[in-house]
């Protein structure tokens, strides 16, 4: 599919520009990209030079439960903060003596902030740490529990 005299990188750039222009004009495409990518770009920008801990978020009737992987981190070095709409965690590892031969874990530690899908009561947040997993219970601000009404 290559034309004579056309540099493949120029052709790729032209196609890429056309795709980007089409996406800019399409509100639907932007919405789909936002759904697929989510807040990944925000996470990457905010956590530059930090490790990014994995987070599972579980929704129950009364609360959200966040399970955050922080392997090798001591409980005392965890900084956990919650607002009505965000949860952020920062943890710094203990420095080891000696010369590092290989280093894949960030010396600055781990850092992550996520937007919560529902508003919570930050003053009632509880957290526990066991076997490298930080478990955070985030009570929902508004709990919609159906109430059974007898019909007479």
N, C-alpha and C. Protein backbone atom coordinates (compact mmCIF):
# COMPACT_ATOMS: atom_id res chain seq x y z
N UNK A 1 0.83 -1.19 0.00
CA UNK A 1 0.00 0.00 0.00
C UNK A 1 0.87 1.25 0.00
N UNK A 2 2.13 1.05 -0.27
CA UNK A 2 3.07 2.15 -0.26
C UNK A 2 3.16 2.75 -1.66
N UNK A 3 3.12 4.08 -1.75
CA UNK A 3 3.25 4.76 -3.04
C UNK A 3 4.72 5.09 -3.27
N UNK A 4 5.10 5.13 -4.55
CA UNK A 4 6.49 5.46 -4.86
C UNK A 4 6.80 6.88 -4.46
N UNK A 5 7.97 7.06 -3.90
CA UNK A 5 8.40 8.40 -3.52
C UNK A 5 7.78 8.89 -2.22
N UNK A 6 6.95 8.08 -1.59
CA UNK A 6 6.33 8.50 -0.34
C UNK A 6 7.05 7.85 0.83
N UNK A 7 7.47 8.66 1.72
CA UNK A 7 8.14 8.18 2.92
C UNK A 7 7.08 7.55 3.83
N UNK A 8 7.27 6.31 4.29
CA UNK A 8 6.26 5.66 5.13
C UNK A 8 5.93 6.47 6.38
N UNK A 9 6.89 7.18 6.95
CA UNK A 9 6.58 7.96 8.15
C UNK A 9 5.68 9.14 7.80
N UNK A 10 5.84 9.72 6.63
CA UNK A 10 4.96 10.82 6.21
C UNK A 10 3.55 10.31 6.01
N UNK A 11 3.40 9.14 5.41
CA UNK A 11 2.08 8.55 5.21
C UNK A 11 1.43 8.25 6.55
N UNK A 12 2.20 7.69 7.47
CA UNK A 12 1.66 7.40 8.81
C UNK A 12 1.24 8.67 9.51
N UNK A 13 2.03 9.72 9.39
CA UNK A 13 1.67 11.01 10.01
C UNK A 13 0.39 11.56 9.42
N UNK A 14 0.25 11.47 8.11
CA UNK A 14 -0.95 11.98 7.44
C UNK A 14 -2.19 11.22 7.91
N UNK A 15 -2.09 9.90 7.97
CA UNK A 15 -3.22 9.09 8.43
C UNK A 15 -3.52 9.41 9.89
N UNK A 16 -2.49 9.52 10.70
CA UNK A 16 -2.67 9.84 12.12
C UNK A 16 -3.35 11.18 12.31
N UNK A 17 -2.93 12.19 11.54
CA UNK A 17 -3.55 13.51 11.64
C UNK A 17 -5.02 13.45 11.23
N UNK A 18 -5.32 12.68 10.18
CA UNK A 18 -6.71 12.57 9.72
C UNK A 18 -7.58 11.90 10.79
N UNK A 19 -7.04 10.87 11.41
CA UNK A 19 -7.78 10.18 12.48
C UNK A 19 -8.01 11.12 13.64
N UNK A 20 -6.99 11.85 14.03
CA UNK A 20 -7.13 12.78 15.16
C UNK A 20 -8.15 13.87 14.86
N UNK A 21 -8.13 14.39 13.65
CA UNK A 21 -9.11 15.43 13.28
C UNK A 21 -10.53 14.87 13.31
N UNK A 22 -10.71 13.64 12.84
CA UNK A 22 -12.03 13.02 12.86
C UNK A 22 -12.49 12.82 14.30
N UNK A 23 -11.58 12.42 15.17
CA UNK A 23 -11.94 12.20 16.57
C UNK A 23 -12.27 13.52 17.27
N UNK A 24 -11.56 14.58 16.95
CA UNK A 24 -11.83 15.87 17.57
C UNK A 24 -13.25 16.33 17.26
N UNK A 25 -13.70 16.05 16.07
CA UNK A 25 -15.02 16.47 15.65
C UNK A 25 -16.14 15.59 16.17
N UNK A 26 -15.83 14.49 16.71
CA UNK A 26 -16.85 13.55 17.14
C UNK A 26 -16.99 13.53 18.65
N UNK A 27 -18.09 14.05 19.14
CA UNK A 27 -18.37 14.03 20.57
C UNK A 27 -18.46 12.60 21.06
N UNK A 28 -19.06 11.74 20.28
CA UNK A 28 -19.21 10.34 20.65
C UNK A 28 -17.85 9.69 20.82
N UNK A 29 -16.93 9.96 19.92
CA UNK A 29 -15.59 9.37 20.01
C UNK A 29 -14.90 9.83 21.28
N UNK A 30 -15.03 11.11 21.62
CA UNK A 30 -14.42 11.61 22.86
C UNK A 30 -15.00 10.93 24.09
N UNK A 31 -16.32 10.73 24.09
CA UNK A 31 -16.95 10.06 25.23
C UNK A 31 -16.46 8.62 25.35
N UNK A 32 -16.34 7.93 24.23
CA UNK A 32 -15.87 6.55 24.25
C UNK A 32 -14.42 6.47 24.73
N UNK A 33 -13.59 7.37 24.26
CA UNK A 33 -12.19 7.38 24.68
C UNK A 33 -12.12 7.65 26.18
N UNK A 34 -12.92 8.59 26.68
CA UNK A 34 -12.93 8.88 28.12
C UNK A 34 -13.35 7.66 28.92
N UNK A 35 -14.35 6.92 28.43
CA UNK A 35 -14.79 5.71 29.14
C UNK A 35 -13.70 4.65 29.16
N UNK A 36 -13.02 4.49 28.02
CA UNK A 36 -11.99 3.46 27.92
C UNK A 36 -10.76 3.84 28.73
N UNK A 37 -10.29 5.05 28.56
CA UNK A 37 -9.07 5.49 29.20
C UNK A 37 -9.31 5.93 30.65
N UNK A 38 -10.50 6.48 30.91
CA UNK A 38 -10.82 6.93 32.27
C UNK A 38 -9.86 8.02 32.69
N UNK A 39 -9.40 7.93 33.91
CA UNK A 39 -8.50 8.94 34.47
C UNK A 39 -7.04 8.51 34.41
N UNK A 40 -6.73 7.58 33.50
CA UNK A 40 -5.37 7.05 33.44
C UNK A 40 -4.37 8.16 33.18
N UNK A 41 -4.66 9.06 32.25
CA UNK A 41 -3.71 10.11 31.94
C UNK A 41 -3.49 11.01 33.14
N UNK A 42 -4.55 11.30 33.89
CA UNK A 42 -4.41 12.11 35.09
C UNK A 42 -3.54 11.38 36.10
N UNK A 43 -3.76 10.07 36.28
CA UNK A 43 -2.96 9.27 37.20
C UNK A 43 -1.50 9.30 36.80
N UNK A 44 -1.21 9.14 35.52
CA UNK A 44 0.17 9.10 35.04
C UNK A 44 0.84 10.44 35.29
N UNK A 45 0.14 11.55 35.00
CA UNK A 45 0.73 12.87 35.18
C UNK A 45 1.01 13.14 36.66
N UNK A 46 0.06 12.83 37.53
CA UNK A 46 0.21 13.13 38.95
C UNK A 46 1.22 12.24 39.64
N UNK A 47 1.46 11.07 39.12
CA UNK A 47 2.32 10.12 39.81
C UNK A 47 3.69 9.96 39.15
N UNK A 48 4.10 10.93 38.39
CA UNK A 48 5.39 10.85 37.72
C UNK A 48 6.49 10.61 38.76
N UNK A 49 7.34 9.68 38.49
CA UNK A 49 8.44 9.27 39.35
C UNK A 49 8.00 8.47 40.57
N UNK A 50 6.72 8.24 40.74
CA UNK A 50 6.21 7.42 41.83
C UNK A 50 5.70 6.10 41.25
N UNK A 51 5.71 5.06 42.07
CA UNK A 51 5.04 3.82 41.69
C UNK A 51 3.54 4.04 41.82
N UNK A 52 2.75 3.31 41.06
CA UNK A 52 1.29 3.45 41.10
C UNK A 52 0.70 2.17 41.68
N UNK A 53 0.16 2.24 42.90
CA UNK A 53 -0.42 1.02 43.49
C UNK A 53 -1.70 0.62 42.78
N UNK A 54 -1.94 -0.68 42.72
CA UNK A 54 -3.18 -1.18 42.13
C UNK A 54 -4.31 -1.02 43.13
N UNK A 55 -5.49 -0.68 42.62
CA UNK A 55 -6.66 -0.45 43.48
C UNK A 55 -7.84 -1.22 42.93
N UNK A 56 -8.50 -1.98 43.80
CA UNK A 56 -9.81 -2.57 43.50
C UNK A 56 -10.83 -1.76 44.26
N UNK A 57 -11.94 -1.41 43.62
CA UNK A 57 -13.00 -0.64 44.27
C UNK A 57 -14.28 -1.46 44.20
N UNK A 58 -14.83 -1.77 45.37
CA UNK A 58 -16.02 -2.61 45.48
C UNK A 58 -17.18 -1.74 45.94
N UNK A 59 -18.33 -1.86 45.28
CA UNK A 59 -19.53 -1.09 45.63
C UNK A 59 -20.51 -1.99 46.35
N UNK A 60 -20.89 -1.63 47.57
CA UNK A 60 -21.92 -2.34 48.31
C UNK A 60 -23.09 -1.38 48.50
N UNK A 61 -24.14 -1.82 49.16
CA UNK A 61 -25.29 -0.95 49.37
C UNK A 61 -24.96 0.29 50.20
N UNK A 62 -24.14 0.12 51.23
CA UNK A 62 -23.89 1.19 52.18
C UNK A 62 -22.55 1.91 52.01
N UNK A 63 -21.61 1.27 51.33
CA UNK A 63 -20.27 1.84 51.25
C UNK A 63 -19.52 1.38 50.02
N UNK A 64 -18.42 2.09 49.76
CA UNK A 64 -17.44 1.67 48.78
C UNK A 64 -16.28 1.09 49.58
N UNK A 65 -15.67 0.04 49.07
CA UNK A 65 -14.51 -0.55 49.73
C UNK A 65 -13.35 -0.53 48.74
N UNK A 66 -12.27 0.15 49.12
CA UNK A 66 -11.08 0.21 48.29
C UNK A 66 -10.04 -0.75 48.85
N UNK A 67 -9.49 -1.58 47.99
CA UNK A 67 -8.40 -2.50 48.35
C UNK A 67 -7.17 -2.03 47.59
N UNK A 68 -6.16 -1.57 48.31
CA UNK A 68 -4.99 -0.95 47.69
C UNK A 68 -3.75 -1.79 47.99
N UNK A 69 -3.06 -2.22 46.94
CA UNK A 69 -1.86 -3.05 47.09
C UNK A 69 -0.65 -2.18 47.38
N UNK A 70 -0.07 -2.38 48.57
CA UNK A 70 1.12 -1.64 48.98
C UNK A 70 2.16 -2.62 49.53
N UNK A 71 2.71 -3.48 48.67
CA UNK A 71 3.66 -4.49 49.16
C UNK A 71 4.94 -3.86 49.70
N UNK A 72 5.39 -4.40 50.83
CA UNK A 72 6.65 -3.95 51.40
C UNK A 72 6.61 -2.60 52.09
N UNK A 73 5.44 -2.06 52.30
CA UNK A 73 5.29 -0.74 52.91
C UNK A 73 4.89 -0.93 54.38
N UNK A 74 5.46 -0.15 55.28
CA UNK A 74 5.05 -0.23 56.68
C UNK A 74 3.80 0.63 56.88
N UNK A 75 2.99 0.23 57.83
CA UNK A 75 1.73 0.93 58.12
C UNK A 75 1.99 2.40 58.48
N UNK A 76 3.08 2.66 59.16
CA UNK A 76 3.39 4.01 59.62
C UNK A 76 3.72 4.97 58.47
N UNK A 77 4.13 4.45 57.34
CA UNK A 77 4.54 5.32 56.23
C UNK A 77 3.40 5.60 55.24
N UNK A 78 2.18 5.16 55.56
CA UNK A 78 1.03 5.37 54.67
C UNK A 78 0.33 6.67 55.00
N UNK A 79 0.15 7.51 53.98
CA UNK A 79 -0.61 8.76 54.12
C UNK A 79 -1.88 8.58 53.30
N UNK A 80 -3.01 8.41 53.98
CA UNK A 80 -4.30 8.18 53.34
C UNK A 80 -5.19 9.39 53.56
N UNK A 81 -5.79 9.89 52.48
CA UNK A 81 -6.66 11.07 52.57
C UNK A 81 -7.93 10.83 51.76
N UNK A 82 -9.04 11.33 52.30
CA UNK A 82 -10.32 11.17 51.60
C UNK A 82 -11.09 12.48 51.65
N UNK A 83 -11.70 12.82 50.52
CA UNK A 83 -12.66 13.92 50.47
C UNK A 83 -13.99 13.29 50.08
N UNK A 84 -14.99 14.11 49.88
CA UNK A 84 -16.29 13.59 49.48
C UNK A 84 -16.24 12.87 48.14
N UNK A 85 -15.27 13.23 47.28
CA UNK A 85 -15.24 12.68 45.92
C UNK A 85 -13.92 12.04 45.50
N UNK A 86 -12.89 12.08 46.37
CA UNK A 86 -11.61 11.49 46.00
C UNK A 86 -11.01 10.67 47.14
N UNK A 87 -10.15 9.75 46.75
CA UNK A 87 -9.36 8.96 47.69
C UNK A 87 -7.92 9.03 47.20
N UNK A 88 -7.00 9.40 48.10
CA UNK A 88 -5.60 9.44 47.70
C UNK A 88 -4.75 8.73 48.74
N UNK A 89 -3.71 8.09 48.24
CA UNK A 89 -2.80 7.36 49.11
C UNK A 89 -1.38 7.63 48.64
N UNK A 90 -0.50 7.81 49.61
CA UNK A 90 0.92 7.97 49.33
C UNK A 90 1.67 7.16 50.37
N UNK A 91 2.66 6.40 49.94
CA UNK A 91 3.42 5.55 50.85
C UNK A 91 4.88 5.55 50.44
N UNK A 92 5.74 5.66 51.42
CA UNK A 92 7.18 5.69 51.15
C UNK A 92 7.83 4.43 51.70
N UNK A 93 8.64 3.76 50.87
CA UNK A 93 9.30 2.54 51.34
C UNK A 93 10.51 2.87 52.22
N UNK A 94 10.87 1.93 53.04
CA UNK A 94 12.09 2.07 53.85
C UNK A 94 13.29 1.89 52.92
N UNK A 95 14.31 2.69 53.11
CA UNK A 95 15.51 2.58 52.29
C UNK A 95 16.40 1.46 52.84
N UNK A 96 16.91 0.66 51.96
CA UNK A 96 17.80 -0.44 52.32
C UNK A 96 19.25 0.02 52.23
N UNK A 97 20.06 -0.54 53.09
CA UNK A 97 21.49 -0.25 53.02
C UNK A 97 22.10 -1.05 51.88
N UNK A 98 23.13 -0.53 51.29
CA UNK A 98 23.82 -1.24 50.22
C UNK A 98 23.58 -0.58 48.88
N UNK A 99 24.25 -1.14 47.88
CA UNK A 99 24.15 -0.61 46.52
C UNK A 99 23.09 -1.42 45.76
N UNK A 100 22.17 -0.71 45.15
CA UNK A 100 21.13 -1.37 44.37
C UNK A 100 21.73 -1.83 43.04
N UNK A 101 21.57 -3.09 42.73
CA UNK A 101 22.03 -3.64 41.46
C UNK A 101 20.91 -3.48 40.42
N UNK A 102 19.70 -3.65 40.86
CA UNK A 102 18.52 -3.46 40.01
C UNK A 102 17.46 -2.80 40.86
N UNK A 103 16.79 -1.81 40.30
CA UNK A 103 15.77 -1.11 41.06
C UNK A 103 14.56 -0.85 40.18
N UNK A 104 13.47 -1.56 40.46
CA UNK A 104 12.23 -1.38 39.71
C UNK A 104 11.18 -0.65 40.54
N UNK A 105 11.32 -0.68 41.85
CA UNK A 105 10.39 0.06 42.72
C UNK A 105 10.91 1.47 42.89
N UNK A 106 10.03 2.42 42.79
CA UNK A 106 10.43 3.82 42.88
C UNK A 106 10.95 4.15 44.28
N UNK A 107 12.10 4.82 44.35
CA UNK A 107 12.61 5.22 45.67
C UNK A 107 11.73 6.29 46.32
N UNK A 108 10.90 6.97 45.53
CA UNK A 108 10.00 7.98 46.08
C UNK A 108 8.77 7.34 46.70
N UNK A 109 8.50 6.10 46.35
CA UNK A 109 7.35 5.41 46.92
C UNK A 109 6.20 5.29 45.93
N UNK A 110 5.02 5.13 46.49
CA UNK A 110 3.82 4.94 45.68
C UNK A 110 2.85 6.08 45.94
N UNK A 111 2.11 6.42 44.88
CA UNK A 111 1.16 7.53 45.01
C UNK A 111 0.02 7.31 44.04
N UNK A 112 -1.20 7.53 44.52
CA UNK A 112 -2.36 7.35 43.64
C UNK A 112 -3.52 8.16 44.18
N UNK A 113 -4.26 8.78 43.30
CA UNK A 113 -5.50 9.48 43.65
C UNK A 113 -6.55 9.07 42.64
N UNK A 114 -7.73 8.69 43.15
CA UNK A 114 -8.81 8.31 42.24
C UNK A 114 -10.07 9.12 42.58
N UNK A 115 -10.85 9.35 41.54
CA UNK A 115 -12.17 9.95 41.73
C UNK A 115 -13.12 8.82 42.12
N UNK A 116 -13.95 9.09 43.09
CA UNK A 116 -14.90 8.08 43.53
C UNK A 116 -16.19 8.21 42.72
N UNK A 117 -16.86 7.10 42.44
CA UNK A 117 -18.07 7.15 41.62
C UNK A 117 -19.28 7.73 42.36
N UNK A 118 -19.19 7.79 43.70
CA UNK A 118 -20.27 8.36 44.51
C UNK A 118 -19.65 9.19 45.62
N UNK A 119 -20.42 10.13 46.16
CA UNK A 119 -19.93 10.92 47.28
C UNK A 119 -19.93 10.08 48.55
N UNK A 120 -18.94 10.34 49.39
CA UNK A 120 -18.80 9.59 50.63
C UNK A 120 -18.77 10.55 51.82
N UNK A 121 -18.77 9.98 53.03
CA UNK A 121 -18.64 10.74 54.28
C UNK A 121 -17.19 10.61 54.74
N UNK A 122 -16.31 11.56 54.40
CA UNK A 122 -14.89 11.40 54.71
C UNK A 122 -14.59 11.27 56.20
N UNK A 123 -15.39 11.88 57.04
CA UNK A 123 -15.14 11.81 58.48
C UNK A 123 -15.42 10.43 59.07
N UNK A 124 -16.11 9.55 58.31
CA UNK A 124 -16.42 8.21 58.80
C UNK A 124 -15.61 7.10 58.10
N UNK A 125 -14.60 7.48 57.34
CA UNK A 125 -13.77 6.51 56.63
C UNK A 125 -12.94 5.72 57.65
N UNK A 126 -12.87 4.40 57.44
CA UNK A 126 -12.06 3.51 58.29
C UNK A 126 -11.07 2.76 57.39
N UNK A 127 -9.90 2.47 57.94
CA UNK A 127 -8.90 1.75 57.15
C UNK A 127 -8.15 0.76 58.03
N UNK A 128 -7.77 -0.36 57.41
CA UNK A 128 -6.93 -1.35 58.08
C UNK A 128 -5.89 -1.83 57.07
N UNK A 129 -4.75 -2.32 57.61
CA UNK A 129 -3.65 -2.74 56.75
C UNK A 129 -3.18 -4.11 57.19
N UNK A 130 -3.20 -5.07 56.25
CA UNK A 130 -2.81 -6.44 56.58
C UNK A 130 -2.20 -7.10 55.34
N UNK A 131 -1.03 -7.71 55.51
CA UNK A 131 -0.36 -8.45 54.43
C UNK A 131 -0.20 -7.65 53.15
N UNK A 132 0.15 -6.37 53.26
CA UNK A 132 0.41 -5.55 52.09
C UNK A 132 -0.83 -5.00 51.40
N UNK A 133 -2.01 -5.22 51.97
CA UNK A 133 -3.26 -4.70 51.39
C UNK A 133 -3.88 -3.70 52.35
N UNK A 134 -4.08 -2.48 51.88
CA UNK A 134 -4.77 -1.45 52.65
C UNK A 134 -6.25 -1.53 52.28
N UNK A 135 -7.09 -1.81 53.27
CA UNK A 135 -8.54 -1.93 53.04
C UNK A 135 -9.21 -0.68 53.62
N UNK A 136 -9.88 0.07 52.75
CA UNK A 136 -10.48 1.34 53.14
C UNK A 136 -11.99 1.25 52.95
N UNK A 137 -12.73 1.49 54.02
CA UNK A 137 -14.20 1.49 53.98
C UNK A 137 -14.67 2.93 53.90
N UNK A 138 -15.41 3.23 52.83
CA UNK A 138 -15.85 4.59 52.53
C UNK A 138 -17.38 4.65 52.56
N UNK A 139 -17.98 5.05 53.70
CA UNK A 139 -19.45 5.09 53.79
C UNK A 139 -20.04 6.09 52.79
N UNK A 140 -21.06 5.67 52.09
CA UNK A 140 -21.70 6.52 51.09
C UNK A 140 -22.45 7.66 51.77
N UNK A 141 -22.45 8.80 51.12
CA UNK A 141 -23.16 9.97 51.64
C UNK A 141 -24.66 9.74 51.60
N UNK A 142 -25.12 9.21 50.48
CA UNK A 142 -26.55 8.93 50.31
C UNK A 142 -26.70 7.44 50.07
N UNK A 143 -27.43 6.80 50.97
CA UNK A 143 -27.67 5.36 50.83
C UNK A 143 -29.12 5.19 50.41
N UNK A 144 -29.30 4.56 49.27
CA UNK A 144 -30.64 4.32 48.75
C UNK A 144 -30.96 2.85 48.97
N UNK A 145 -31.63 2.58 50.08
CA UNK A 145 -32.03 1.22 50.39
C UNK A 145 -33.55 1.15 50.25
N UNK A 146 -34.05 0.31 49.37
CA UNK A 146 -35.50 0.24 49.20
C UNK A 146 -36.18 -0.21 50.50
N UNK A 147 -37.24 0.46 50.82
CA UNK A 147 -38.02 0.12 52.01
C UNK A 147 -39.31 -0.53 51.57
N UNK A 148 -39.59 -1.70 52.10
CA UNK A 148 -40.79 -2.43 51.75
C UNK A 148 -42.02 -1.76 52.39
N UNK A 149 -43.00 -1.47 51.56
CA UNK A 149 -44.22 -0.80 52.04
C UNK A 149 -45.38 -1.77 51.88
N UNK A 150 -46.04 -2.14 52.99
CA UNK A 150 -47.18 -3.04 52.88
C UNK A 150 -48.37 -2.33 52.22
N UNK A 151 -49.02 -3.03 51.34
CA UNK A 151 -50.20 -2.51 50.66
C UNK A 151 -51.44 -2.99 51.39
N UNK A 152 -52.33 -2.08 51.75
CA UNK A 152 -53.56 -2.46 52.49
C UNK A 152 -54.76 -2.49 51.58
